[in-house]
Amino acid sequence: MFIKRISFTFAAPIFTVMTKKGFTIAFKGLSTGNHSFNFEIGKQFFESYEYFEGTSGELSAHIDLLKESNMMNLSIHLEGIVSLQCDRCLGDFKQAVEGNFMLIVKFGETFGEESEEIIILPFTDSLIDLSQYFFEYINMLLPLQKVHPDKENGESGCDPEMIAQLNQYSEQKEDPRWEALKKLKLK
């Protein structure tokens, strides 16, 4: 169960609400126009997804929601630090991430996804849960190859003891059978 602080603004004042649903926005009671929401993404969020095993982070999500009569535009800004496990030496390191995403919500009879950026919610829904979208957006911000950044002097930031062990076990010894095959000459 998530308990997160949500801040949102209507024109100038800022309101803070506690929710047990996690990263949801109750849009049914919102007037048409612009609304802002802030979410804090932390340890519980990362632990709730199996894919994030071994990582954690502290991110903030700022959502600018433009509600219209038949649709909503959500402009999402994610920023923070994610703790990752290095693919090379298995040590932990912190990676700064930041990105902007757009989510367009239309209303229809049933739930559907027209594209990665456009979803359809049933007319009867009154909430939108953004946790799955945060999960996907954070994954898109992570580098494909997760390795320690190099130090200022240009050396690898990886654990030197682990790299030495890996190099010891990865030494390739040539199989003598290949030498015999190399001597064969094909005409």
Protein backbone atom coordinates (compact mmCIF):
# COMPACT_ATOMS: atom_id res chain seq x y z
CA MET A 1 0.00 0.00 0.00
CA PHE A 2 1.37 3.38 -0.98
CA ILE A 3 0.92 6.47 1.11
CA LYS A 4 2.25 9.43 -0.81
CA ARG A 5 1.91 13.17 -0.53
CA ILE A 6 0.38 14.80 -3.53
CA SER A 7 0.49 18.53 -4.09
CA PHE A 8 -1.70 20.15 -6.68
CA THR A 9 -2.55 23.68 -7.62
CA PHE A 10 -5.65 25.40 -8.87
CA ALA A 11 -4.46 28.72 -10.31
CA ALA A 12 -2.34 30.06 -7.40
CA PRO A 13 -3.02 28.13 -4.15
CA ILE A 14 -1.25 24.83 -3.46
CA PHE A 15 -3.08 21.92 -1.82
CA THR A 16 -1.57 18.77 -0.33
CA VAL A 17 -3.56 15.54 -0.07
CA MET A 18 -2.69 12.08 1.29
CA THR A 19 -3.74 9.12 -0.81
CA LYS A 20 -3.57 5.40 -0.18
CA LYS A 21 -3.99 4.56 -3.86
CA GLY A 22 -0.46 5.54 -4.72
CA PHE A 23 0.00 7.61 -7.81
CA THR A 24 -3.58 8.39 -8.74
CA ILE A 25 -5.31 11.54 -9.86
CA ALA A 26 -9.04 11.97 -9.22
CA PHE A 27 -10.02 13.86 -12.35
CA LYS A 28 -13.84 13.63 -12.17
CA GLY A 29 -14.22 16.62 -9.84
CA LEU A 30 -11.63 18.79 -11.57
CA SER A 31 -12.81 21.79 -13.53
CA THR A 32 -11.70 22.23 -17.12
CA GLY A 33 -8.36 23.98 -17.36
CA ASN A 34 -4.84 23.53 -16.00
CA HIS A 35 -3.99 21.64 -12.81
CA SER A 36 -0.59 20.69 -11.34
CA PHE A 37 0.28 17.60 -9.29
CA ASN A 38 3.51 16.54 -7.60
CA PHE A 39 4.40 12.97 -6.60
CA GLU A 40 7.42 11.63 -4.74
CA ILE A 41 8.65 8.25 -5.99
CA GLY A 42 10.70 6.32 -3.46
CA LYS A 43 11.76 2.95 -2.11
CA GLN A 44 8.26 1.44 -1.84
CA PHE A 45 7.60 2.14 -5.50
CA PHE A 46 10.77 0.37 -6.64
CA GLU A 47 10.14 -2.59 -4.32
CA SER A 48 6.62 -3.05 -5.70
CA TYR A 49 7.94 -3.89 -9.18
CA GLU A 50 9.84 -7.14 -9.67
CA TYR A 51 11.89 -5.67 -12.50
CA PHE A 52 13.36 -3.05 -10.18
CA GLU A 53 14.81 -5.67 -7.84
CA GLY A 54 18.17 -4.52 -6.55
CA THR A 55 17.56 -0.87 -7.36
CA SER A 56 16.05 2.03 -5.50
CA GLY A 57 15.76 5.72 -6.01
CA GLU A 58 14.32 9.05 -5.08
CA LEU A 59 12.50 10.83 -7.88
CA SER A 60 9.97 13.60 -8.13
CA ALA A 61 7.22 13.67 -10.70
CA HIS A 62 5.56 16.91 -11.70
CA ILE A 63 2.38 16.61 -13.76
CA ASP A 64 0.71 19.48 -15.58
CA LEU A 65 -2.79 18.30 -16.43
CA LEU A 66 -4.91 20.15 -18.96
CA LYS A 67 -8.48 18.93 -18.60
CA GLU A 68 -10.86 19.46 -21.46
CA SER A 69 -14.45 18.29 -21.81
CA ASN A 70 -13.61 15.10 -23.74
CA MET A 71 -9.91 14.50 -23.01
CA MET A 72 -6.93 15.29 -20.78
CA ASN A 73 -3.33 16.12 -21.63
CA LEU A 74 -0.77 15.15 -19.00
CA SER A 75 2.69 16.62 -19.31
CA ILE A 76 4.95 14.58 -17.00
CA HIS A 77 8.39 15.65 -15.81
CA LEU A 78 10.48 13.07 -13.92
CA GLU A 79 13.71 13.97 -12.17
CA GLY A 80 15.88 12.33 -9.54
CA ILE A 81 18.48 9.72 -8.69
CA VAL A 82 18.19 5.97 -9.29
CA SER A 83 20.52 3.46 -7.65
CA LEU A 84 21.60 0.82 -10.18
CA GLN A 85 23.74 -2.31 -10.17
CA CYS A 86 26.74 -2.15 -12.48
CA ASP A 87 26.63 -4.70 -15.31
CA ARG A 88 30.41 -5.00 -15.27
CA CYS A 89 31.42 -5.31 -11.58
CA LEU A 90 28.00 -5.76 -9.86
CA GLY A 91 28.66 -2.78 -7.57
CA ASP A 92 25.98 -0.21 -6.84
CA PHE A 93 26.12 3.32 -8.22
CA LYS A 94 23.79 6.28 -8.47
CA GLN A 95 22.52 7.51 -11.84
CA ALA A 96 20.83 10.89 -12.31
CA VAL A 97 17.75 10.72 -14.55
CA GLU A 98 15.51 13.40 -15.99
CA GLY A 99 12.91 13.36 -18.73
CA ASN A 100 9.65 14.75 -20.05
CA PHE A 101 6.74 12.66 -21.30
CA MET A 102 3.28 13.32 -22.68
CA LEU A 103 0.19 11.21 -21.97
CA ILE A 104 -3.11 11.95 -23.71
CA VAL A 105 -6.23 10.52 -22.09
CA LYS A 106 -9.40 10.21 -24.14
CA PHE A 107 -12.74 8.91 -22.91
CA GLY A 108 -14.69 6.06 -24.49
CA GLU A 109 -16.80 3.00 -23.76
CA THR A 110 -13.93 0.70 -22.71
CA PHE A 111 -10.28 0.95 -21.77
CA GLY A 112 -7.83 0.91 -24.66
CA GLU A 113 -4.42 2.08 -25.82
CA GLU A 114 -4.28 3.77 -29.20
CA SER A 115 -0.52 4.30 -28.97
CA GLU A 116 2.23 4.66 -26.38
CA GLU A 117 1.08 8.21 -25.66
CA ILE A 118 -2.70 7.91 -26.08
CA ILE A 119 -5.00 5.88 -23.83
CA ILE A 120 -8.76 5.59 -23.64
CA LEU A 121 -10.47 5.46 -20.24
CA PRO A 122 -14.11 4.43 -19.79
CA PHE A 123 -16.57 7.26 -19.19
CA THR A 124 -17.35 5.68 -15.80
CA ASP A 125 -13.77 6.01 -14.46
CA SER A 126 -13.03 8.83 -12.07
CA LEU A 127 -9.34 8.10 -11.31
CA ILE A 128 -6.22 7.55 -13.34
CA ASP A 129 -3.39 5.53 -11.78
CA LEU A 130 -0.04 6.74 -13.09
CA SER A 131 2.17 4.14 -11.35
CA GLN A 132 2.52 1.88 -14.43
CA TYR A 133 3.34 4.89 -16.60
CA PHE A 134 5.96 6.07 -14.07
CA PHE A 135 7.46 2.56 -14.15
CA GLU A 136 7.68 2.61 -17.95
CA TYR A 137 9.00 6.16 -18.13
CA ILE A 138 11.71 5.51 -15.52
CA ASN A 139 12.78 2.40 -17.47
CA MET A 140 13.05 4.52 -20.62
CA LEU A 141 15.34 6.95 -18.78
CA LEU A 142 17.76 4.24 -17.62
CA PRO A 143 20.84 3.56 -19.74
CA LEU A 144 20.92 0.29 -21.70
CA GLN A 145 24.35 -0.58 -20.34
CA LYS A 146 24.53 0.17 -16.64
CA VAL A 147 28.18 0.75 -15.74
CA HIS A 148 29.94 2.97 -13.23
CA PRO A 149 30.79 6.35 -14.70
CA ASP A 150 34.50 6.94 -15.25
CA LYS A 151 36.41 8.83 -12.59
CA GLU A 152 37.68 12.35 -13.24
CA ASN A 153 41.14 11.01 -14.13
CA GLY A 154 39.63 8.78 -16.83
CA GLU A 155 39.93 5.49 -14.94
CA SER A 156 37.00 3.11 -14.70
CA GLY A 157 34.73 3.67 -11.71
CA CYS A 158 34.24 -0.09 -11.30
CA ASP A 159 35.53 -2.08 -8.32
CA PRO A 160 39.17 -2.93 -9.25
CA GLU A 161 39.17 -6.18 -7.20
CA MET A 162 36.10 -7.49 -9.02
CA ILE A 163 37.52 -6.50 -12.42
CA ALA A 164 40.77 -8.34 -11.58
CA GLN A 165 38.79 -11.48 -10.66
CA LEU A 166 36.75 -11.26 -13.85
CA ASN A 167 39.89 -10.87 -15.93
CA GLN A 168 41.46 -13.88 -14.19
CA TYR A 169 38.52 -16.12 -15.05
CA SER A 170 38.00 -14.78 -18.52
CA GLU A 171 41.51 -15.53 -19.79
CA GLN A 172 41.05 -17.68 -22.86
CA LYS A 173 43.36 -20.59 -23.27
CA GLU A 174 43.66 -21.85 -26.78
CA ASP A 175 42.50 -25.37 -27.42
CA PRO A 176 45.31 -27.44 -29.06
CA ARG A 177 42.79 -29.09 -31.40
CA TRP A 178 42.35 -25.76 -33.18
CA GLU A 179 46.08 -25.61 -33.93
CA ALA A 180 45.83 -28.89 -35.83
CA LEU A 181 42.88 -27.54 -37.83
CA LYS A 182 44.75 -24.33 -38.67
CA LYS A 183 47.48 -26.39 -40.34
CA LEU A 184 45.02 -27.87 -42.83
CA LYS A 185 45.14 -26.21 -46.22
CA LEU A 186 42.10 -26.24 -48.39
CA LYS A 187 42.59 -26.23 -52.15
